[in-house]
Amino acid sequence: ADGLQVVPFDTELVNLDGAFDLAAG
């Protein structure tokens, strides 16, 4: 409803070497 927001993700399909942080998006 206001401001800016980082979109977080909850499903990991491919993540080589764990380079993607789901919680931080």
PDB file of all heavy atoms in Angstrom:
ATOM      1  N   ALA A   1       0.802  -1.206   0.000  1.00  0.00           N
ATOM      2  CA  ALA A   1       0.000   0.000   0.000  1.00  0.00           C
ATOM      3  C   ALA A   1       0.838   1.261   0.000  1.00  0.00           C
ATOM      4  O   ALA A   1       0.378   2.312  -0.380  1.00  0.00           O
ATOM      5  CB  ALA A   1      -0.935   0.018   1.211  1.00  0.00           C
ATOM      6  N   ASP A   2       2.111   1.172   0.395  1.00  0.00           N
ATOM      7  CA  ASP A   2       2.948   2.366   0.428  1.00  0.00           C
ATOM      8  C   ASP A   2       4.430   1.990   0.271  1.00  0.00           C
ATOM      9  O   ASP A   2       4.832   0.876   0.592  1.00  0.00           O
ATOM     10  CB  ASP A   2       2.751   3.133   1.746  1.00  0.00           C
ATOM     11  CG  ASP A   2       2.927   2.256   2.974  1.00  0.00           C
ATOM     12  OD1 ASP A   2       3.631   1.211   2.864  1.00  0.00           O
ATOM     13  OD2 ASP A   2       2.379   2.579   4.013  1.00  0.00           O
ATOM     14  N   GLY A   3       5.199   2.961  -0.197  1.00  0.00           N
ATOM     15  CA  GLY A   3       6.644   2.813  -0.278  1.00  0.00           C
ATOM     16  C   GLY A   3       7.117   1.769  -1.271  1.00  0.00           C
ATOM     17  O   GLY A   3       6.438   1.395  -2.214  1.00  0.00           O
ATOM     18  N   LEU A   4       8.358   1.276  -1.021  1.00  0.00           N
ATOM     19  CA  LEU A   4       9.009   0.281  -1.874  1.00  0.00           C
ATOM     20  C   LEU A   4       9.158  -1.009  -1.099  1.00  0.00           C
ATOM     21  O   LEU A   4       9.259  -1.020   0.131  1.00  0.00           O
ATOM     22  CB  LEU A   4      10.378   0.787  -2.321  1.00  0.00           C
ATOM     23  CG  LEU A   4      10.397   2.129  -3.068  1.00  0.00           C
ATOM     24  CD1 LEU A   4      11.819   2.553  -3.346  1.00  0.00           C
ATOM     25  CD2 LEU A   4       9.600   2.044  -4.358  1.00  0.00           C
ATOM     26  N   GLN A   5       9.216  -2.104  -1.812  1.00  0.00           N
ATOM     27  CA  GLN A   5       9.321  -3.405  -1.160  1.00  0.00           C
ATOM     28  C   GLN A   5      10.114  -4.366  -2.027  1.00  0.00           C
ATOM     29  O   GLN A   5       9.899  -4.453  -3.235  1.00  0.00           O
ATOM     30  CB  GLN A   5       7.927  -3.985  -0.892  1.00  0.00           C
ATOM     31  CG  GLN A   5       7.959  -5.351  -0.230  1.00  0.00           C
ATOM     32  CD  GLN A   5       6.574  -5.882   0.041  1.00  0.00           C
ATOM     33  OE1 GLN A   5       5.576  -5.183  -0.185  1.00  0.00           O
ATOM     34  NE2 GLN A   5       6.494  -7.104   0.532  1.00  0.00           N
ATOM     35  N   VAL A   6      11.043  -5.088  -1.393  1.00  0.00           N
ATOM     36  CA  VAL A   6      11.771  -6.167  -2.071  1.00  0.00           C
ATOM     37  C   VAL A   6      10.865  -7.383  -2.120  1.00  0.00           C
ATOM     38  O   VAL A   6      10.254  -7.765  -1.119  1.00  0.00           O
ATOM     39  CB  VAL A   6      13.077  -6.497  -1.328  1.00  0.00           C
ATOM     40  CG1 VAL A   6      13.798  -7.652  -2.016  1.00  0.00           C
ATOM     41  CG2 VAL A   6      13.969  -5.276  -1.256  1.00  0.00           C
ATOM     42  N   VAL A   7      10.751  -7.992  -3.286  1.00  0.00           N
ATOM     43  CA  VAL A   7       9.921  -9.179  -3.444  1.00  0.00           C
ATOM     44  C   VAL A   7      10.700 -10.396  -2.951  1.00  0.00           C
ATOM     45  O   VAL A   7      11.695 -10.781  -3.572  1.00  0.00           O
ATOM     46  CB  VAL A   7       9.481  -9.364  -4.902  1.00  0.00           C
ATOM     47  CG1 VAL A   7       8.647 -10.643  -5.038  1.00  0.00           C
ATOM     48  CG2 VAL A   7       8.705  -8.152  -5.387  1.00  0.00           C
ATOM     49  N   PRO A   8      10.276 -11.028  -1.849  1.00  0.00           N
ATOM     50  CA  PRO A   8      10.936 -12.256  -1.405  1.00  0.00           C
ATOM     51  C   PRO A   8      10.333 -13.466  -2.128  1.00  0.00           C
ATOM     52  O   PRO A   8       9.238 -13.396  -2.677  1.00  0.00           O
ATOM     53  CB  PRO A   8      10.639 -12.281   0.083  1.00  0.00           C
ATOM     54  CG  PRO A   8       9.334 -11.576   0.214  1.00  0.00           C
ATOM     55  CD  PRO A   8       9.260 -10.562  -0.891  1.00  0.00           C
ATOM     56  N   PHE A   9      11.062 -14.587  -2.099  1.00  0.00           N
ATOM     57  CA  PHE A   9      10.611 -15.805  -2.763  1.00  0.00           C
ATOM     58  C   PHE A   9      10.616 -16.946  -1.752  1.00  0.00           C
ATOM     59  O   PHE A   9      11.383 -16.942  -0.784  1.00  0.00           O
ATOM     60  CB  PHE A   9      11.504 -16.119  -3.957  1.00  0.00           C
ATOM     61  CG  PHE A   9      11.436 -15.066  -5.050  1.00  0.00           C
ATOM     62  CD1 PHE A   9      12.277 -13.966  -5.033  1.00  0.00           C
ATOM     63  CD2 PHE A   9      10.503 -15.187  -6.065  1.00  0.00           C
ATOM     64  CE1 PHE A   9      12.202 -12.997  -6.022  1.00  0.00           C
ATOM     65  CE2 PHE A   9      10.432 -14.224  -7.064  1.00  0.00           C
ATOM     66  CZ  PHE A   9      11.278 -13.128  -7.050  1.00  0.00           C
ATOM     67  N   ASP A  10       9.764 -17.932  -2.008  1.00  0.00           N
ATOM     68  CA  ASP A  10       9.624 -19.043  -1.064  1.00  0.00           C
ATOM     69  C   ASP A  10       9.867 -20.409  -1.692  1.00  0.00           C
ATOM     70  O   ASP A  10       9.786 -21.425  -1.018  1.00  0.00           O
ATOM     71  CB  ASP A  10       8.235 -19.014  -0.417  1.00  0.00           C
ATOM     72  CG  ASP A  10       7.116 -18.976  -1.450  1.00  0.00           C
ATOM     73  OD1 ASP A  10       7.345 -19.424  -2.603  1.00  0.00           O
ATOM     74  OD2 ASP A  10       6.024 -18.478  -1.129  1.00  0.00           O
ATOM     75  N   THR A  11      10.134 -20.454  -2.996  1.00  0.00           N
ATOM     76  CA  THR A  11      10.312 -21.732  -3.693  1.00  0.00           C
ATOM     77  C   THR A  11      11.623 -21.689  -4.475  1.00  0.00           C
ATOM     78  O   THR A  11      11.847 -20.771  -5.279  1.00  0.00           O
ATOM     79  CB  THR A  11       9.146 -22.008  -4.645  1.00  0.00           C
ATOM     80  OG1 THR A  11       7.921 -21.996  -3.912  1.00  0.00           O
ATOM     81  CG2 THR A  11       9.325 -23.352  -5.334  1.00  0.00           C
ATOM     82  N   GLU A  12      12.446 -22.687  -4.237  1.00  0.00           N
ATOM     83  CA  GLU A  12      13.737 -22.785  -4.950  1.00  0.00           C
ATOM     84  C   GLU A  12      13.655 -23.882  -5.992  1.00  0.00           C
ATOM     85  O   GLU A  12      13.426 -25.054  -5.655  1.00  0.00           O
ATOM     86  CB  GLU A  12      14.858 -23.069  -3.950  1.00  0.00           C
ATOM     87  CG  GLU A  12      16.239 -23.166  -4.579  1.00  0.00           C
ATOM     88  CD  GLU A  12      17.314 -23.483  -3.552  1.00  0.00           C
ATOM     89  OE1 GLU A  12      17.647 -22.600  -2.746  1.00  0.00           O
ATOM     90  OE2 GLU A  12      17.807 -24.642  -3.537  1.00  0.00           O
ATOM     91  N   LEU A  13      13.848 -23.532  -7.251  1.00  0.00           N
ATOM     92  CA  LEU A  13      13.849 -24.504  -8.344  1.00  0.00           C
ATOM     93  C   LEU A  13      15.274 -24.878  -8.736  1.00  0.00           C
ATOM     94  O   LEU A  13      15.622 -26.062  -8.827  1.00  0.00           O
ATOM     95  CB  LEU A  13      13.103 -23.931  -9.553  1.00  0.00           C
ATOM     96  CG  LEU A  13      11.642 -23.530  -9.288  1.00  0.00           C
ATOM     97  CD1 LEU A  13      11.041 -22.872 -10.514  1.00  0.00           C
ATOM     98  CD2 LEU A  13      10.827 -24.736  -8.858  1.00  0.00           C
ATOM     99  N   VAL A  14      16.113 -23.894  -9.014  1.00  0.00           N
ATOM    100  CA  VAL A  14      17.533 -24.089  -9.304  1.00  0.00           C
ATOM    101  C   VAL A  14      18.303 -22.996  -8.576  1.00  0.00           C
ATOM    102  O   VAL A  14      17.942 -21.818  -8.661  1.00  0.00           O
ATOM    103  CB  VAL A  14      17.827 -24.010 -10.826  1.00  0.00           C
ATOM    104  CG1 VAL A  14      19.331 -24.090 -11.087  1.00  0.00           C
ATOM    105  CG2 VAL A  14      17.102 -25.121 -11.575  1.00  0.00           C
ATOM    106  N   ASN A  15      19.367 -23.413  -7.878  1.00  0.00           N
ATOM    107  CA  ASN A  15      20.179 -22.429  -7.148  1.00  0.00           C
ATOM    108  C   ASN A  15      21.616 -22.960  -7.056  1.00  0.00           C
ATOM    109  O   ASN A  15      22.028 -23.519  -6.031  1.00  0.00           O
ATOM    110  CB  ASN A  15      19.592 -22.179  -5.759  1.00  0.00           C
ATOM    111  CG  ASN A  15      20.244 -20.987  -5.072  1.00  0.00           C
ATOM    112  OD1 ASN A  15      20.999 -20.244  -5.687  1.00  0.00           O
ATOM    113  ND2 ASN A  15      19.940 -20.814  -3.786  1.00  0.00           N
ATOM    114  N   LEU A  16      22.381 -22.796  -8.157  1.00  0.00           N
ATOM    115  CA  LEU A  16      23.752 -23.308  -8.187  1.00  0.00           C
ATOM    116  C   LEU A  16      24.622 -22.561  -7.179  1.00  0.00           C
ATOM    117  O   LEU A  16      24.622 -21.325  -7.141  1.00  0.00           O
ATOM    118  CB  LEU A  16      24.348 -23.154  -9.596  1.00  0.00           C
ATOM    119  CG  LEU A  16      23.655 -23.940 -10.723  1.00  0.00           C
ATOM    120  CD1 LEU A  16      24.410 -23.736 -12.038  1.00  0.00           C
ATOM    121  CD2 LEU A  16      23.549 -25.412 -10.388  1.00  0.00           C
ATOM    122  N   ASP A  17      25.335 -23.329  -6.392  1.00  0.00           N
ATOM    123  CA  ASP A  17      26.269 -22.801  -5.398  1.00  0.00           C
ATOM    124  C   ASP A  17      25.579 -21.922  -4.356  1.00  0.00           C
ATOM    125  O   ASP A  17      26.243 -21.156  -3.641  1.00  0.00           O
ATOM    126  CB  ASP A  17      27.401 -22.000  -6.060  1.00  0.00           C
ATOM    127  CG  ASP A  17      28.209 -22.849  -7.025  1.00  0.00           C
ATOM    128  OD1 ASP A  17      28.373 -24.055  -6.753  1.00  0.00           O
ATOM    129  OD2 ASP A  17      28.664 -22.312  -8.051  1.00  0.00           O
ATOM    130  N   GLY A  18      24.229 -22.021  -4.262  1.00  0.00           N
ATOM    131  CA  GLY A  18      23.501 -21.254  -3.245  1.00  0.00           C
ATOM    132  C   GLY A  18      23.660 -19.759  -3.399  1.00  0.00           C
ATOM    133  O   GLY A  18      23.654 -19.016  -2.411  1.00  0.00           O
ATOM    134  N   ALA A  19      23.804 -19.276  -4.646  1.00  0.00           N
ATOM    135  CA  ALA A  19      24.055 -17.849  -4.871  1.00  0.00           C
ATOM    136  C   ALA A  19      22.807 -16.992  -4.678  1.00  0.00           C
ATOM    137  O   ALA A  19      22.921 -15.767  -4.536  1.00  0.00           O
ATOM    138  CB  ALA A  19      24.607 -17.629  -6.286  1.00  0.00           C
ATOM    139  N   PHE A  20      21.606 -17.603  -4.637  1.00  0.00           N
ATOM    140  CA  PHE A  20      20.371 -16.824  -4.457  1.00  0.00           C
ATOM    141  C   PHE A  20      19.869 -16.998  -3.025  1.00  0.00           C
ATOM    142  O   PHE A  20      19.685 -18.110  -2.536  1.00  0.00           O
ATOM    143  CB  PHE A  20      19.294 -17.276  -5.441  1.00  0.00           C
ATOM    144  CG  PHE A  20      18.170 -16.296  -5.586  1.00  0.00           C
ATOM    145  CD1 PHE A  20      18.155 -15.384  -6.612  1.00  0.00           C
ATOM    146  CD2 PHE A  20      17.117 -16.266  -4.664  1.00  0.00           C
ATOM    147  CE1 PHE A  20      17.132 -14.468  -6.751  1.00  0.00           C
ATOM    148  CE2 PHE A  20      16.097 -15.353  -4.779  1.00  0.00           C
ATOM    149  CZ  PHE A  20      16.105 -14.451  -5.836  1.00  0.00           C
ATOM    150  N   ASP A  21      19.644 -15.873  -2.369  1.00  0.00           N
ATOM    151  CA  ASP A  21      19.117 -15.853  -0.998  1.00  0.00           C
ATOM    152  C   ASP A  21      17.601 -15.676  -1.081  1.00  0.00           C
ATOM    153  O   ASP A  21      17.112 -14.591  -1.445  1.00  0.00           O
ATOM    154  CB  ASP A  21      19.759 -14.712  -0.221  1.00  0.00           C
ATOM    155  CG  ASP A  21      19.406 -14.738   1.262  1.00  0.00           C
ATOM    156  OD1 ASP A  21      18.433 -15.439   1.630  1.00  0.00           O
ATOM    157  OD2 ASP A  21      20.089 -14.046   2.044  1.00  0.00           O
ATOM    158  N   LEU A  22      16.835 -16.738  -0.775  1.00  0.00           N
ATOM    159  CA  LEU A  22      15.381 -16.681  -0.907  1.00  0.00           C
ATOM    160  C   LEU A  22      14.763 -15.627   0.010  1.00  0.00           C
ATOM    161  O   LEU A  22      13.891 -14.848  -0.402  1.00  0.00           O
ATOM    162  CB  LEU A  22      14.770 -18.048  -0.595  1.00  0.00           C
ATOM    163  CG  LEU A  22      15.000 -19.156  -1.629  1.00  0.00           C
ATOM    164  CD1 LEU A  22      14.400 -20.462  -1.125  1.00  0.00           C
ATOM    165  CD2 LEU A  22      14.387 -18.781  -2.955  1.00  0.00           C
ATOM    166  N   ALA A  23      15.189 -15.602   1.262  1.00  0.00           N
ATOM    167  CA  ALA A  23      14.577 -14.670   2.217  1.00  0.00           C
ATOM    168  C   ALA A  23      14.855 -13.220   1.842  1.00  0.00           C
ATOM    169  O   ALA A  23      13.975 -12.353   1.936  1.00  0.00           O
ATOM    170  CB  ALA A  23      15.086 -14.971   3.626  1.00  0.00           C
ATOM    171  N   ALA A  24      16.073 -12.934   1.422  1.00  0.00           N
ATOM    172  CA  ALA A  24      16.419 -11.569   1.031  1.00  0.00           C
ATOM    173  C   ALA A  24      15.966 -11.252  -0.389  1.00  0.00           C
ATOM    174  O   ALA A  24      15.901 -10.077  -0.780  1.00  0.00           O
ATOM    175  CB  ALA A  24      17.921 -11.351   1.156  1.00  0.00           C
ATOM    176  N   GLY A  25      15.639 -12.295  -1.177  1.00  0.00           N
ATOM    177  CA  GLY A  25      15.182 -12.096  -2.547  1.00  0.00           C
ATOM    178  C   GLY A  25      16.267 -11.589  -3.489  1.00  0.00           C
ATOM    179  O   GLY A  25      15.957 -10.903  -4.477  1.00  0.00           O
TER     180      GLY A  25
END
